[in-house]
Amino acid sequence: MTDDRTDVQEFFTARAADWDRKFPDDGPAYAAAVAGLGLREGGRVLDAGCGTGRALPSLRAAVGSSGVVLGMDLTAAMLEAAVRAGRDRDGWLLRADVASLPLRSQSLDAVFAAGLIAHLSRPGENLRELARVVRPGGTLALFHPIGRAALAARQGRRISPEDLRAEPRLRPLLAGAGWRMTSYTDEDHRFLALAVRED
């Protein structure tokens, strides 16, 4: 979407207060996508670009009370909206940039990223940074509650093969960053690409 993180922050700051009201029916889609991560009790997971924290309740349910759930976002207003919605009870919230995560290498079992990839200024490097913090064999879910064609129509544009989420572009992008794509779904009601962290 942009090469400038300030533009991303301004875009989401302007929308944070109404974000959940604008998309009130996404909960089941988030829960289904989280299930694809294969998390277990006691697992450690990051919601990268967590926004208002809509995935945090499902992530907490997946790892249980003994697990660790982190919600990270670049935009303070989105994290504040997550707190107002009470989602800080389901995970630790931190303001950070996916370009340089304040986490130890191989400290997580999985990363969930809803709508994130379109906002990455350096997708290859950023996906590599996500791989850095995940143990070998850990998982990544790139998710959006609607598919590429439906999203393009909502935004008044045509679907493009240049879209980073197009499978022929995404698969090698992930591979170059240390991930192996294991499944790809692009339907009107959801986009979900799952990948495993290579050794």
Protein backbone atom coordinates (compact mmCIF):
# COMPACT_ATOMS: atom_id res chain seq x y z
CA MET A 1 0.00 0.00 0.00
CA THR A 2 2.73 2.44 0.89
CA ASP A 3 6.44 2.74 1.50
CA ASP A 4 5.93 5.17 4.35
CA ARG A 5 5.01 3.89 7.80
CA THR A 6 3.69 7.35 8.68
CA ASP A 7 1.07 6.98 5.93
CA VAL A 8 0.05 3.61 7.38
CA GLN A 9 -0.28 5.11 10.86
CA GLU A 10 -2.34 8.04 9.55
CA PHE A 11 -4.58 5.71 7.53
CA PHE A 12 -5.40 3.51 10.54
CA THR A 13 -5.49 6.29 13.12
CA ALA A 14 -8.30 7.94 11.15
CA ARG A 15 -10.27 4.68 11.11
CA ALA A 16 -9.53 3.13 14.51
CA ALA A 17 -12.56 4.42 16.43
CA ASP A 18 -15.07 2.96 13.94
CA TRP A 19 -13.14 -0.09 12.78
CA ASP A 20 -15.07 -2.73 14.74
CA ARG A 21 -18.43 -1.16 13.95
CA LYS A 22 -17.57 -1.17 10.24
CA PHE A 23 -16.76 -4.90 10.23
CA PRO A 24 -18.98 -6.40 12.96
CA ASP A 25 -19.43 -9.90 11.52
CA ASP A 26 -15.81 -11.02 11.05
CA GLY A 27 -15.47 -12.98 14.31
CA PRO A 28 -16.23 -16.45 12.91
CA ALA A 29 -13.84 -15.91 9.99
CA TYR A 30 -11.06 -14.92 12.39
CA ALA A 31 -11.74 -17.98 14.56
CA ALA A 32 -11.61 -20.31 11.55
CA ALA A 33 -8.33 -18.78 10.36
CA VAL A 34 -6.77 -19.08 13.83
CA ALA A 35 -7.72 -22.77 13.84
CA GLY A 36 -5.53 -23.21 10.76
CA LEU A 37 -2.43 -22.35 12.80
CA GLY A 38 -2.68 -25.62 14.73
CA LEU A 39 -1.90 -23.97 18.06
CA ARG A 40 -1.82 -26.02 21.24
CA GLU A 41 -2.26 -25.38 24.94
CA GLY A 42 0.76 -23.43 26.19
CA GLY A 43 1.71 -22.16 22.74
CA ARG A 44 3.26 -18.75 22.02
CA VAL A 45 1.72 -16.66 19.26
CA LEU A 46 2.00 -13.15 17.83
CA ASP A 47 -0.84 -11.29 16.13
CA ALA A 48 1.27 -9.08 13.84
CA GLY A 49 -0.62 -5.93 12.89
CA CYS A 50 -3.34 -6.83 15.39
CA GLY A 51 -5.34 -3.65 14.87
CA THR A 52 -8.22 -3.61 17.34
CA GLY A 53 -7.35 -7.13 18.47
CA ARG A 54 -10.18 -9.04 16.83
CA ALA A 55 -8.10 -12.25 16.65
CA LEU A 56 -6.89 -12.11 20.25
CA PRO A 57 -9.87 -13.95 21.85
CA SER A 58 -9.51 -16.84 19.38
CA LEU A 59 -5.74 -16.93 19.84
CA ARG A 60 -6.16 -17.00 23.64
CA ALA A 61 -8.71 -19.82 23.37
CA ALA A 62 -6.27 -21.79 21.20
CA VAL A 63 -3.27 -21.54 23.57
CA GLY A 64 -5.20 -21.50 26.83
CA SER A 65 -4.31 -19.73 30.05
CA SER A 66 -0.77 -21.16 30.06
CA GLY A 67 0.01 -19.81 26.58
CA VAL A 68 1.40 -16.45 25.51
CA VAL A 69 -0.53 -14.15 23.18
CA LEU A 70 1.04 -10.94 21.90
CA GLY A 71 -0.80 -8.32 19.87
CA MET A 72 1.51 -5.96 17.99
CA ASP A 73 0.55 -2.95 15.92
CA LEU A 74 2.28 0.14 14.56
CA THR A 75 -0.70 2.42 15.24
CA ALA A 76 -1.36 3.56 18.81
CA ALA A 77 -5.00 4.39 18.07
CA MET A 78 -5.68 0.79 17.03
CA LEU A 79 -4.15 -0.55 20.23
CA GLU A 80 -6.21 1.95 22.25
CA ALA A 81 -9.35 0.66 20.50
CA ALA A 82 -8.31 -2.90 21.42
CA VAL A 83 -8.07 -1.86 25.08
CA ARG A 84 -11.50 -0.15 24.94
CA ALA A 85 -12.94 -3.40 23.54
CA GLY A 86 -11.39 -5.32 26.48
CA ARG A 87 -9.16 -7.42 24.23
CA ASP A 88 -6.09 -6.61 26.28
CA ARG A 89 -7.42 -9.29 28.66
CA ASP A 90 -6.64 -11.89 25.98
CA GLY A 91 -3.06 -10.88 25.25
CA TRP A 92 -0.21 -8.45 25.80
CA LEU A 93 -0.44 -5.42 23.50
CA LEU A 94 2.66 -3.70 22.24
CA ARG A 95 3.35 -0.94 19.79
CA ALA A 96 6.05 -2.12 17.41
CA ASP A 97 7.02 -2.29 13.77
CA VAL A 98 7.11 -5.63 11.95
CA ALA A 99 10.36 -4.46 10.37
CA SER A 100 12.13 -4.84 13.74
CA LEU A 101 10.30 -6.94 16.29
CA PRO A 102 11.36 -6.61 19.94
CA LEU A 103 11.35 -10.41 20.35
CA ARG A 104 14.01 -13.08 20.67
CA SER A 105 14.76 -15.30 17.68
CA GLN A 106 12.72 -18.52 17.57
CA SER A 107 10.67 -17.46 20.60
CA LEU A 108 7.23 -18.11 19.07
CA ASP A 109 5.24 -21.04 17.75
CA ALA A 110 3.17 -19.03 15.28
CA VAL A 111 2.30 -15.68 13.76
CA PHE A 112 -1.17 -14.58 12.74
CA ALA A 113 -1.35 -11.62 10.35
CA ALA A 114 -4.73 -10.28 9.25
CA GLY A 115 -4.62 -7.76 6.42
CA LEU A 116 -0.95 -7.08 7.10
CA ILE A 117 0.81 -7.96 3.86
CA ALA A 118 -0.77 -5.18 1.80
CA HIS A 119 0.68 -2.62 4.22
CA LEU A 120 4.27 -3.88 4.32
CA SER A 121 6.81 -1.50 2.81
CA ARG A 122 9.40 -4.26 2.34
CA PRO A 123 7.39 -7.51 2.25
CA GLY A 124 10.34 -9.87 1.72
CA GLU A 125 12.35 -8.37 4.57
CA ASN A 126 9.29 -8.10 6.81
CA LEU A 127 8.28 -11.73 6.24
CA ARG A 128 11.89 -12.71 7.00
CA GLU A 129 11.66 -10.82 10.29
CA LEU A 130 8.49 -12.74 11.14
CA ALA A 131 10.35 -15.97 10.33
CA ARG A 132 13.19 -14.93 12.63
CA VAL A 133 10.95 -14.92 15.71
CA VAL A 134 9.25 -18.26 14.93
CA ARG A 135 10.81 -21.63 15.73
CA PRO A 136 11.53 -24.04 12.84
CA GLY A 137 8.30 -25.89 12.09
CA GLY A 138 6.22 -23.01 13.45
CA THR A 139 3.38 -21.56 11.40
CA LEU A 140 2.24 -18.34 9.76
CA ALA A 141 -1.30 -17.40 8.75
CA LEU A 142 -1.79 -14.53 6.29
CA PHE A 143 -5.49 -13.78 6.51
CA HIS A 144 -8.16 -11.41 5.30
CA PRO A 145 -11.88 -11.85 6.08
CA ILE A 146 -12.73 -11.40 2.40
CA GLY A 147 -10.94 -12.62 -0.70
CA ARG A 148 -8.88 -10.64 -3.17
CA ALA A 149 -11.65 -10.12 -5.75
CA ALA A 150 -14.22 -9.06 -3.15
CA LEU A 151 -11.74 -6.68 -1.54
CA ALA A 152 -10.83 -5.13 -4.89
CA ALA A 153 -14.52 -4.63 -5.69
CA ARG A 154 -15.11 -3.03 -2.27
CA GLN A 155 -12.25 -0.62 -2.98
CA GLY A 156 -13.46 0.15 -6.52
CA ARG A 157 -10.55 -1.43 -8.32
CA ARG A 158 -9.85 -4.55 -10.36
CA ILE A 159 -8.07 -7.60 -9.06
CA SER A 160 -4.46 -7.61 -10.21
CA PRO A 161 -1.91 -10.37 -10.75
CA GLU A 162 0.61 -7.92 -9.27
CA ASP A 163 -1.15 -8.18 -5.89
CA LEU A 164 1.27 -9.66 -3.36
CA ARG A 165 -1.51 -12.02 -2.28
CA ALA A 166 -1.78 -13.60 -5.73
CA GLU A 167 -0.51 -17.16 -5.30
CA PRO A 168 2.18 -16.96 -8.02
CA ARG A 169 3.65 -13.91 -6.27
CA LEU A 170 3.10 -14.95 -2.67
CA ARG A 171 4.56 -18.46 -2.81
CA PRO A 172 8.08 -17.39 -3.92
CA LEU A 173 7.95 -14.33 -1.65
CA LEU A 174 7.33 -16.58 1.34
CA ALA A 175 9.96 -19.09 0.21
CA GLY A 176 12.58 -16.36 -0.06
CA ALA A 177 11.78 -15.29 3.51
CA GLY A 178 12.13 -18.75 5.04
CA TRP A 179 8.53 -19.97 4.83
CA ARG A 180 7.00 -22.89 2.89
CA MET A 181 3.39 -22.32 1.86
CA THR A 182 1.23 -25.28 2.86
CA SER A 183 -2.20 -24.06 1.76
CA TYR A 184 -3.78 -21.19 -0.15
CA THR A 185 -7.44 -20.18 -0.16
CA ASP A 186 -8.81 -17.14 -2.00
CA GLU A 187 -12.60 -17.12 -1.94
CA ASP A 188 -15.12 -14.28 -1.72
CA HIS A 189 -15.60 -14.83 2.01
CA ARG A 190 -11.93 -15.24 2.98
CA PHE A 191 -8.28 -15.17 2.04
CA LEU A 192 -5.97 -17.48 3.95
CA ALA A 193 -2.42 -18.54 3.16
CA LEU A 194 -0.75 -20.87 5.64
CA ALA A 195 2.99 -21.44 5.77
CA VAL A 196 5.53 -23.36 7.85
CA ARG A 197 8.86 -21.95 9.03
CA GLU A 198 11.65 -23.83 7.31
CA ASP A 199 14.71 -25.06 9.25
